């Protein structure tokens, strides 16, 4: 598939896909006219890259983790790195849950205040 189709199917900009290639996170074949062509598996690769970016990993970290994704093999150092990243993500999830709980409390308080005609005071 061409770069525009990959961008459409993954919801990622063409510019981002070119960046992924520059960072060696994604590979394409070039046609005789120089157009990029991607294999079908590129869709899953781009989605994984997006998930890892959203989780806070850098392109360098993602590049280091990709061999594990590609061939399922991991060195002890890579397994340690994966564990560290997983722990960081767990902390991030905990922080997000806490923030959500506080928002829920504020919504509940504000809803109750509207029913009674009293104004909500921030805590």
C-alpha atoms as a PDB file:
ATOM      1  CA  UNK A   1       0.000   0.000   0.000  1.00  0.00           C
ATOM      2  CA  UNK A   2       1.105   3.562  -0.536  1.00  0.00           C
ATOM      3  CA  UNK A   3       1.844   6.025   2.250  1.00  0.00           C
ATOM      4  CA  UNK A   4      -1.483   7.837   1.923  1.00  0.00           C
ATOM      5  CA  UNK A   5      -3.439   4.627   2.388  1.00  0.00           C
ATOM      6  CA  UNK A   6      -1.346   3.651   5.406  1.00  0.00           C
ATOM      7  CA  UNK A   7      -1.952   7.092   6.879  1.00  0.00           C
ATOM      8  CA  UNK A   8      -5.699   6.761   6.338  1.00  0.00           C
ATOM      9  CA  UNK A   9      -5.915   3.234   7.746  1.00  0.00           C
ATOM     10  CA  UNK A  10      -3.938   4.082  10.864  1.00  0.00           C
ATOM     11  CA  UNK A  11      -5.097   7.654  11.488  1.00  0.00           C
ATOM     12  CA  UNK A  12      -1.470   8.817  11.453  1.00  0.00           C
ATOM     13  CA  UNK A  13      -0.226  11.685   9.306  1.00  0.00           C
ATOM     14  CA  UNK A  14       2.016  11.108   6.318  1.00  0.00           C
ATOM     15  CA  UNK A  15       4.574  13.312   8.031  1.00  0.00           C
ATOM     16  CA  UNK A  16       4.548  11.025  11.101  1.00  0.00           C
ATOM     17  CA  UNK A  17       5.028   7.955   8.906  1.00  0.00           C
ATOM     18  CA  UNK A  18       8.037   9.563   7.257  1.00  0.00           C
ATOM     19  CA  UNK A  19       9.406  10.355  10.733  1.00  0.00           C
ATOM     20  CA  UNK A  20       8.956   6.720  11.773  1.00  0.00           C
ATOM     21  CA  UNK A  21      11.015   5.709   8.761  1.00  0.00           C
ATOM     22  CA  UNK A  22      13.732   8.243   9.612  1.00  0.00           C
ATOM     23  CA  UNK A  23      13.859   6.752  13.123  1.00  0.00           C
ATOM     24  CA  UNK A  24      14.035   3.204  11.651  1.00  0.00           C
ATOM     25  CA  UNK A  25      10.761   2.237  13.308  1.00  0.00           C
ATOM     26  CA  UNK A  26       9.044   1.510  10.010  1.00  0.00           C
ATOM     27  CA  UNK A  27      10.327   0.302   6.656  1.00  0.00           C
ATOM     28  CA  UNK A  28       9.025   0.675   3.145  1.00  0.00           C
ATOM     29  CA  UNK A  29      10.004  -0.439  -0.312  1.00  0.00           C
ATOM     30  CA  UNK A  30      10.459   2.156  -3.026  1.00  0.00           C
ATOM     31  CA  UNK A  31       8.899   1.904  -6.456  1.00  0.00           C
ATOM     32  CA  UNK A  32      10.850   2.780  -9.572  1.00  0.00           C
ATOM     33  CA  UNK A  33       9.372   6.271  -9.327  1.00  0.00           C
ATOM     34  CA  UNK A  34      10.448   6.592  -5.695  1.00  0.00           C
ATOM     35  CA  UNK A  35       7.036   6.154  -4.081  1.00  0.00           C
ATOM     36  CA  UNK A  36       6.908   4.389  -0.721  1.00  0.00           C
ATOM     37  CA  UNK A  37       5.072   1.083  -0.562  1.00  0.00           C
ATOM     38  CA  UNK A  38       4.278  -0.698   2.698  1.00  0.00           C
ATOM     39  CA  UNK A  39       3.436  -4.291   3.463  1.00  0.00           C
ATOM     40  CA  UNK A  40       0.084  -5.065   5.089  1.00  0.00           C
ATOM     41  CA  UNK A  41       1.831  -5.721   8.426  1.00  0.00           C
ATOM     42  CA  UNK A  42       2.824  -2.025   8.526  1.00  0.00           C
ATOM     43  CA  UNK A  43      -0.697  -1.219   9.783  1.00  0.00           C
ATOM     44  CA  UNK A  44      -0.125  -3.214  12.977  1.00  0.00           C
ATOM     45  CA  UNK A  45       3.395  -1.826  13.334  1.00  0.00           C
ATOM     46  CA  UNK A  46       2.166   1.778  13.140  1.00  0.00           C
ATOM     47  CA  UNK A  47      -0.599   1.067  15.661  1.00  0.00           C
ATOM     48  CA  UNK A  48       1.965  -0.448  18.042  1.00  0.00           C
ATOM     49  CA  UNK A  49       4.272   2.552  17.604  1.00  0.00           C
ATOM     50  CA  UNK A  50       1.347   4.878  18.379  1.00  0.00           C
ATOM     51  CA  UNK A  51       0.439   2.900  21.511  1.00  0.00           C
ATOM     52  CA  UNK A  52       4.022   2.968  22.751  1.00  0.00           C
ATOM     53  CA  UNK A  53       4.320   6.712  22.083  1.00  0.00           C
ATOM     54  CA  UNK A  54       1.030   7.273  23.920  1.00  0.00           C
ATOM     55  CA  UNK A  55       2.441   5.292  26.842  1.00  0.00           C
ATOM     56  CA  UNK A  56       5.360   7.718  27.021  1.00  0.00           C
ATOM     57  CA  UNK A  57       8.131   5.778  25.291  1.00  0.00           C
ATOM     58  CA  UNK A  58      10.610   7.614  23.095  1.00  0.00           C
ATOM     59  CA  UNK A  59      11.436   6.612  19.534  1.00  0.00           C
ATOM     60  CA  UNK A  60      14.813   5.374  20.778  1.00  0.00           C
ATOM     61  CA  UNK A  61      13.133   3.158  23.377  1.00  0.00           C
ATOM     62  CA  UNK A  62      10.654   1.848  20.825  1.00  0.00           C
ATOM     63  CA  UNK A  63      13.483   1.026  18.431  1.00  0.00           C
ATOM     64  CA  UNK A  64      15.226  -0.972  21.152  1.00  0.00           C
ATOM     65  CA  UNK A  65      12.034  -2.921  21.863  1.00  0.00           C
ATOM     66  CA  UNK A  66      11.108  -3.738  18.272  1.00  0.00           C
ATOM     67  CA  UNK A  67      13.333  -6.837  17.924  1.00  0.00           C
ATOM     68  CA  UNK A  68      11.263  -8.462  20.646  1.00  0.00           C
ATOM     69  CA  UNK A  69       8.111  -7.638  18.687  1.00  0.00           C
ATOM     70  CA  UNK A  70       9.532  -8.828  15.370  1.00  0.00           C
ATOM     71  CA  UNK A  71      11.097 -12.132  16.363  1.00  0.00           C
ATOM     72  CA  UNK A  72       9.893 -12.720  19.921  1.00  0.00           C
ATOM     73  CA  UNK A  73      13.408 -12.889  21.275  1.00  0.00           C
ATOM     74  CA  UNK A  74      14.623 -10.749  24.127  1.00  0.00           C
ATOM     75  CA  UNK A  75      17.898 -10.415  25.960  1.00  0.00           C
ATOM     76  CA  UNK A  76      17.888 -10.257  29.758  1.00  0.00           C
ATOM     77  CA  UNK A  77      18.645  -6.540  29.452  1.00  0.00           C
ATOM     78  CA  UNK A  78      15.652  -6.012  27.187  1.00  0.00           C
ATOM     79  CA  UNK A  79      13.397  -7.931  29.586  1.00  0.00           C
ATOM     80  CA  UNK A  80      14.609  -5.668  32.399  1.00  0.00           C
ATOM     81  CA  UNK A  81      13.859  -2.634  30.251  1.00  0.00           C
ATOM     82  CA  UNK A  82      10.391  -3.938  29.456  1.00  0.00           C
ATOM     83  CA  UNK A  83       9.736  -4.466  33.169  1.00  0.00           C
ATOM     84  CA  UNK A  84      10.847  -0.922  33.975  1.00  0.00           C
ATOM     85  CA  UNK A  85       8.587   0.514  31.266  1.00  0.00           C
ATOM     86  CA  UNK A  86       5.682  -1.618  32.470  1.00  0.00           C
ATOM     87  CA  UNK A  87       6.147  -0.388  36.045  1.00  0.00           C
ATOM     88  CA  UNK A  88       6.239   3.225  34.828  1.00  0.00           C
ATOM     89  CA  UNK A  89       3.032   2.677  32.869  1.00  0.00           C
ATOM     90  CA  UNK A  90       1.386   1.107  35.936  1.00  0.00           C
ATOM     91  CA  UNK A  91       2.260   4.223  37.956  1.00  0.00           C
ATOM     92  CA  UNK A  92       0.886   6.403  35.175  1.00  0.00           C
ATOM     93  CA  UNK A  93      -2.357   4.384  35.151  1.00  0.00           C
ATOM     94  CA  UNK A  94      -2.634   4.821  38.927  1.00  0.00           C
ATOM     95  CA  UNK A  95      -2.191   8.566  38.565  1.00  0.00           C
ATOM     96  CA  UNK A  96      -4.864   8.701  35.857  1.00  0.00           C
ATOM     97  CA  UNK A  97      -7.303   6.664  37.949  1.00  0.00           C
ATOM     98  CA  UNK A  98      -6.713   9.026  40.872  1.00  0.00           C
ATOM     99  CA  UNK A  99      -7.341  12.061  38.659  1.00  0.00           C
ATOM    100  CA  UNK A 100     -10.517  10.463  37.298  1.00  0.00           C
ATOM    101  CA  UNK A 101     -11.729   9.736  40.830  1.00  0.00           C
ATOM    102  CA  UNK A 102     -11.194  13.360  41.828  1.00  0.00           C
ATOM    103  CA  UNK A 103     -13.106  14.531  38.753  1.00  0.00           C
ATOM    104  CA  UNK A 104     -15.925  12.134  39.616  1.00  0.00           C
ATOM    105  CA  UNK A 105     -16.068  13.597  43.128  1.00  0.00           C
ATOM    106  CA  UNK A 106     -16.198  17.145  41.741  1.00  0.00           C
ATOM    107  CA  UNK A 107     -18.953  16.190  39.295  1.00  0.00           C
ATOM    108  CA  UNK A 108     -20.966  14.569  42.073  1.00  0.00           C
ATOM    109  CA  UNK A 109     -20.536  17.601  44.316  1.00  0.00           C
ATOM    110  CA  UNK A 110     -21.414  20.036  41.531  1.00  0.00           C
ATOM    111  CA  UNK A 111     -24.468  18.000  40.545  1.00  0.00           C
ATOM    112  CA  UNK A 112     -25.679  17.929  44.134  1.00  0.00           C
ATOM    113  CA  UNK A 113     -25.054  21.683  44.452  1.00  0.00           C
ATOM    114  CA  UNK A 114     -27.140  22.397  41.370  1.00  0.00           C
ATOM    115  CA  UNK A 115     -30.027  20.414  42.787  1.00  0.00           C
ATOM    116  CA  UNK A 116     -29.941  22.319  46.084  1.00  0.00           C
ATOM    117  CA  UNK A 117     -29.205  25.694  44.549  1.00  0.00           C
ATOM    118  CA  UNK A 118     -25.884  26.032  46.375  1.00  0.00           C
ATOM    119  CA  UNK A 119     -22.654  26.828  44.581  1.00  0.00           C
ATOM    120  CA  UNK A 120     -19.781  24.407  44.482  1.00  0.00           C
ATOM    121  CA  UNK A 121     -16.554  25.539  46.071  1.00  0.00           C
ATOM    122  CA  UNK A 122     -13.304  24.083  44.726  1.00  0.00           C
ATOM    123  CA  UNK A 123     -11.247  22.097  47.218  1.00  0.00           C
END
